[in-house]
Amino acid sequence: MSFRSCVNRTACTEDGTHCRACGRSHEEIAQLRQLVNDTYALVNRWEYDNLDEFFSYLQKKIGKKLKHSA
């Protein structure tokens, strides 16, 4: 499955089980919102000023986990 996001937040629908704009389930959208909120809280708490490096690190670590779980 490929990730898809809504063009903008106002286009995302909340009725039914899936967004009519992007097709993602409302469960997936809620989990991603929580992930964003948690990531923001971590970055804000530790006052990271090198966000590119931080997100590159996350991408590498998650990629390794996915590779080893396959």
N, C-alpha and C. Protein backbone atom coordinates (compact mmCIF):
# COMPACT_ATOMS: atom_id res chain seq x y z
N MET A 1 0.84 -1.17 0.00
CA MET A 1 0.00 0.00 0.00
C MET A 1 0.89 1.24 0.00
N SER A 2 0.50 2.22 -0.74
CA SER A 2 1.24 3.48 -0.79
C SER A 2 0.55 4.52 0.07
N PHE A 3 1.35 5.40 0.68
CA PHE A 3 0.81 6.48 1.48
C PHE A 3 0.24 7.54 0.56
N ARG A 4 -0.93 8.04 0.95
CA ARG A 4 -1.54 9.17 0.24
C ARG A 4 -2.01 10.17 1.29
N SER A 5 -1.81 11.42 1.03
CA SER A 5 -2.32 12.45 1.93
C SER A 5 -3.34 13.28 1.19
N CYS A 6 -4.19 13.94 1.95
CA CYS A 6 -5.15 14.87 1.34
C CYS A 6 -4.39 16.06 0.80
N VAL A 7 -4.95 16.69 -0.19
CA VAL A 7 -4.34 17.87 -0.78
C VAL A 7 -4.18 18.94 0.30
N ASN A 8 -5.20 19.09 1.11
CA ASN A 8 -5.10 19.99 2.25
C ASN A 8 -6.03 19.48 3.35
N ARG A 9 -5.80 19.90 4.54
CA ARG A 9 -6.54 19.41 5.71
C ARG A 9 -8.04 19.66 5.58
N THR A 10 -8.44 20.76 4.96
CA THR A 10 -9.86 21.06 4.86
C THR A 10 -10.57 20.13 3.87
N ALA A 11 -9.82 19.46 2.99
CA ALA A 11 -10.43 18.54 2.04
C ALA A 11 -10.71 17.18 2.67
N CYS A 12 -10.07 16.88 3.79
CA CYS A 12 -10.22 15.58 4.45
C CYS A 12 -11.61 15.47 5.07
N THR A 13 -12.31 14.38 4.77
CA THR A 13 -13.65 14.18 5.31
C THR A 13 -13.60 13.27 6.53
N GLU A 14 -14.54 13.45 7.44
CA GLU A 14 -14.54 12.69 8.68
C GLU A 14 -15.75 11.78 8.84
N ASP A 15 -16.67 11.78 7.89
CA ASP A 15 -17.82 10.89 7.98
C ASP A 15 -17.48 9.53 7.38
N GLY A 16 -18.23 8.51 7.76
CA GLY A 16 -17.97 7.17 7.26
C GLY A 16 -16.71 6.57 7.87
N THR A 17 -16.13 5.60 7.20
CA THR A 17 -14.93 4.93 7.72
C THR A 17 -13.65 5.40 7.04
N HIS A 18 -13.79 6.01 5.86
CA HIS A 18 -12.62 6.46 5.10
C HIS A 18 -12.85 7.88 4.59
N CYS A 19 -11.78 8.60 4.45
CA CYS A 19 -11.83 9.94 3.89
C CYS A 19 -12.19 9.85 2.41
N ARG A 20 -13.17 10.63 1.98
CA ARG A 20 -13.54 10.60 0.56
C ARG A 20 -12.51 11.31 -0.31
N ALA A 21 -11.69 12.17 0.28
CA ALA A 21 -10.70 12.92 -0.50
C ALA A 21 -9.45 12.08 -0.79
N CYS A 22 -8.92 11.38 0.25
CA CYS A 22 -7.66 10.65 0.06
C CYS A 22 -7.83 9.13 0.12
N GLY A 23 -8.95 8.65 0.66
CA GLY A 23 -9.20 7.21 0.72
C GLY A 23 -8.62 6.51 1.93
N ARG A 24 -7.88 7.23 2.78
CA ARG A 24 -7.30 6.60 3.96
C ARG A 24 -8.39 6.37 5.01
N SER A 25 -8.20 5.33 5.82
CA SER A 25 -9.15 5.08 6.89
C SER A 25 -8.99 6.16 7.96
N HIS A 26 -10.06 6.40 8.68
CA HIS A 26 -9.99 7.38 9.76
C HIS A 26 -9.09 6.89 10.87
N GLU A 27 -8.96 5.58 11.02
CA GLU A 27 -8.02 5.03 12.01
C GLU A 27 -6.58 5.39 11.63
N GLU A 28 -6.23 5.22 10.35
CA GLU A 28 -4.88 5.57 9.89
C GLU A 28 -4.61 7.06 10.10
N ILE A 29 -5.58 7.88 9.73
CA ILE A 29 -5.42 9.33 9.88
C ILE A 29 -5.20 9.70 11.35
N ALA A 30 -5.96 9.08 12.24
CA ALA A 30 -5.82 9.36 13.68
C ALA A 30 -4.45 8.94 14.19
N GLN A 31 -3.97 7.77 13.75
CA GLN A 31 -2.64 7.32 14.19
C GLN A 31 -1.55 8.25 13.68
N LEU A 32 -1.67 8.71 12.45
CA LEU A 32 -0.67 9.63 11.90
C LEU A 32 -0.71 10.97 12.62
N ARG A 33 -1.91 11.44 12.97
CA ARG A 33 -2.00 12.68 13.74
C ARG A 33 -1.30 12.53 15.09
N GLN A 34 -1.51 11.37 15.72
CA GLN A 34 -0.87 11.13 17.01
C GLN A 34 0.65 11.08 16.86
N LEU A 35 1.12 10.43 15.79
CA LEU A 35 2.55 10.36 15.52
C LEU A 35 3.14 11.76 15.32
N VAL A 36 2.45 12.58 14.57
CA VAL A 36 2.91 13.96 14.35
C VAL A 36 2.94 14.72 15.67
N ASN A 37 1.88 14.59 16.45
CA ASN A 37 1.84 15.28 17.75
C ASN A 37 2.95 14.81 18.67
N ASP A 38 3.18 13.50 18.72
CA ASP A 38 4.24 12.96 19.57
C ASP A 38 5.62 13.40 19.09
N THR A 39 5.83 13.39 17.78
CA THR A 39 7.11 13.81 17.21
C THR A 39 7.34 15.29 17.48
N TYR A 40 6.31 16.09 17.31
CA TYR A 40 6.42 17.52 17.62
C TYR A 40 6.81 17.72 19.09
N ALA A 41 6.15 16.98 19.99
CA ALA A 41 6.43 17.12 21.42
C ALA A 41 7.88 16.77 21.72
N LEU A 42 8.40 15.73 21.10
CA LEU A 42 9.78 15.32 21.32
C LEU A 42 10.76 16.39 20.82
N VAL A 43 10.52 16.86 19.59
CA VAL A 43 11.38 17.89 19.00
C VAL A 43 11.33 19.16 19.84
N ASN A 44 10.15 19.52 20.28
CA ASN A 44 9.98 20.73 21.08
C ASN A 44 10.62 20.57 22.45
N ARG A 45 10.45 19.41 23.08
CA ARG A 45 11.02 19.19 24.42
C ARG A 45 12.54 19.30 24.40
N TRP A 46 13.16 18.69 23.41
CA TRP A 46 14.62 18.66 23.35
C TRP A 46 15.20 19.81 22.53
N GLU A 47 14.32 20.65 21.99
CA GLU A 47 14.71 21.86 21.26
C GLU A 47 15.70 21.58 20.12
N TYR A 48 15.41 20.51 19.36
CA TYR A 48 16.28 20.21 18.21
C TYR A 48 16.22 21.35 17.21
N ASP A 49 17.38 21.77 16.74
CA ASP A 49 17.41 22.80 15.72
C ASP A 49 17.94 22.27 14.39
N ASN A 50 18.24 20.97 14.35
CA ASN A 50 18.73 20.34 13.12
C ASN A 50 17.70 19.29 12.66
N LEU A 51 16.53 19.77 12.28
CA LEU A 51 15.43 18.88 11.94
C LEU A 51 15.72 17.97 10.76
N ASP A 52 16.45 18.45 9.77
CA ASP A 52 16.80 17.59 8.62
C ASP A 52 17.57 16.37 9.09
N GLU A 53 18.52 16.56 9.97
CA GLU A 53 19.31 15.44 10.50
C GLU A 53 18.43 14.51 11.33
N PHE A 54 17.55 15.07 12.14
CA PHE A 54 16.65 14.27 12.97
C PHE A 54 15.75 13.39 12.11
N PHE A 55 15.12 13.97 11.09
CA PHE A 55 14.22 13.19 10.25
C PHE A 55 14.97 12.21 9.37
N SER A 56 16.17 12.52 8.97
CA SER A 56 17.00 11.57 8.25
C SER A 56 17.33 10.37 9.12
N TYR A 57 17.63 10.63 10.39
CA TYR A 57 17.90 9.56 11.36
C TYR A 57 16.68 8.66 11.51
N LEU A 58 15.50 9.26 11.67
CA LEU A 58 14.28 8.46 11.79
C LEU A 58 14.04 7.61 10.55
N GLN A 59 14.24 8.21 9.38
CA GLN A 59 14.04 7.47 8.13
C GLN A 59 14.98 6.26 8.06
N LYS A 60 16.23 6.46 8.43
CA LYS A 60 17.20 5.38 8.39
C LYS A 60 16.84 4.28 9.38
N LYS A 61 16.50 4.66 10.63
CA LYS A 61 16.19 3.67 11.66
C LYS A 61 14.92 2.88 11.33
N ILE A 62 13.90 3.57 10.85
CA ILE A 62 12.66 2.88 10.49
C ILE A 62 12.88 1.98 9.29
N GLY A 63 13.66 2.46 8.33
CA GLY A 63 13.99 1.64 7.16
C GLY A 63 14.70 0.35 7.55
N LYS A 64 15.63 0.43 8.49
CA LYS A 64 16.34 -0.76 8.97
C LYS A 64 15.39 -1.73 9.65
N LYS A 65 14.48 -1.21 10.47
CA LYS A 65 13.51 -2.06 11.15
C LYS A 65 12.62 -2.78 10.14
N LEU A 66 12.18 -2.07 9.13
CA LEU A 66 11.33 -2.67 8.11
C LEU A 66 12.08 -3.73 7.31
N LYS A 67 13.34 -3.45 7.01
CA LYS A 67 14.15 -4.41 6.26
C LYS A 67 14.35 -5.69 7.04
N HIS A 68 14.59 -5.57 8.35
CA HIS A 68 14.86 -6.73 9.17
C HIS A 68 13.59 -7.50 9.55
N SER A 69 12.43 -6.86 9.43
CA SER A 69 11.18 -7.55 9.77
C SER A 69 10.59 -8.31 8.60
N ALA A 70 11.12 -8.07 7.41
CA ALA A 70 10.57 -8.72 6.21
C ALA A 70 11.03 -10.15 6.07
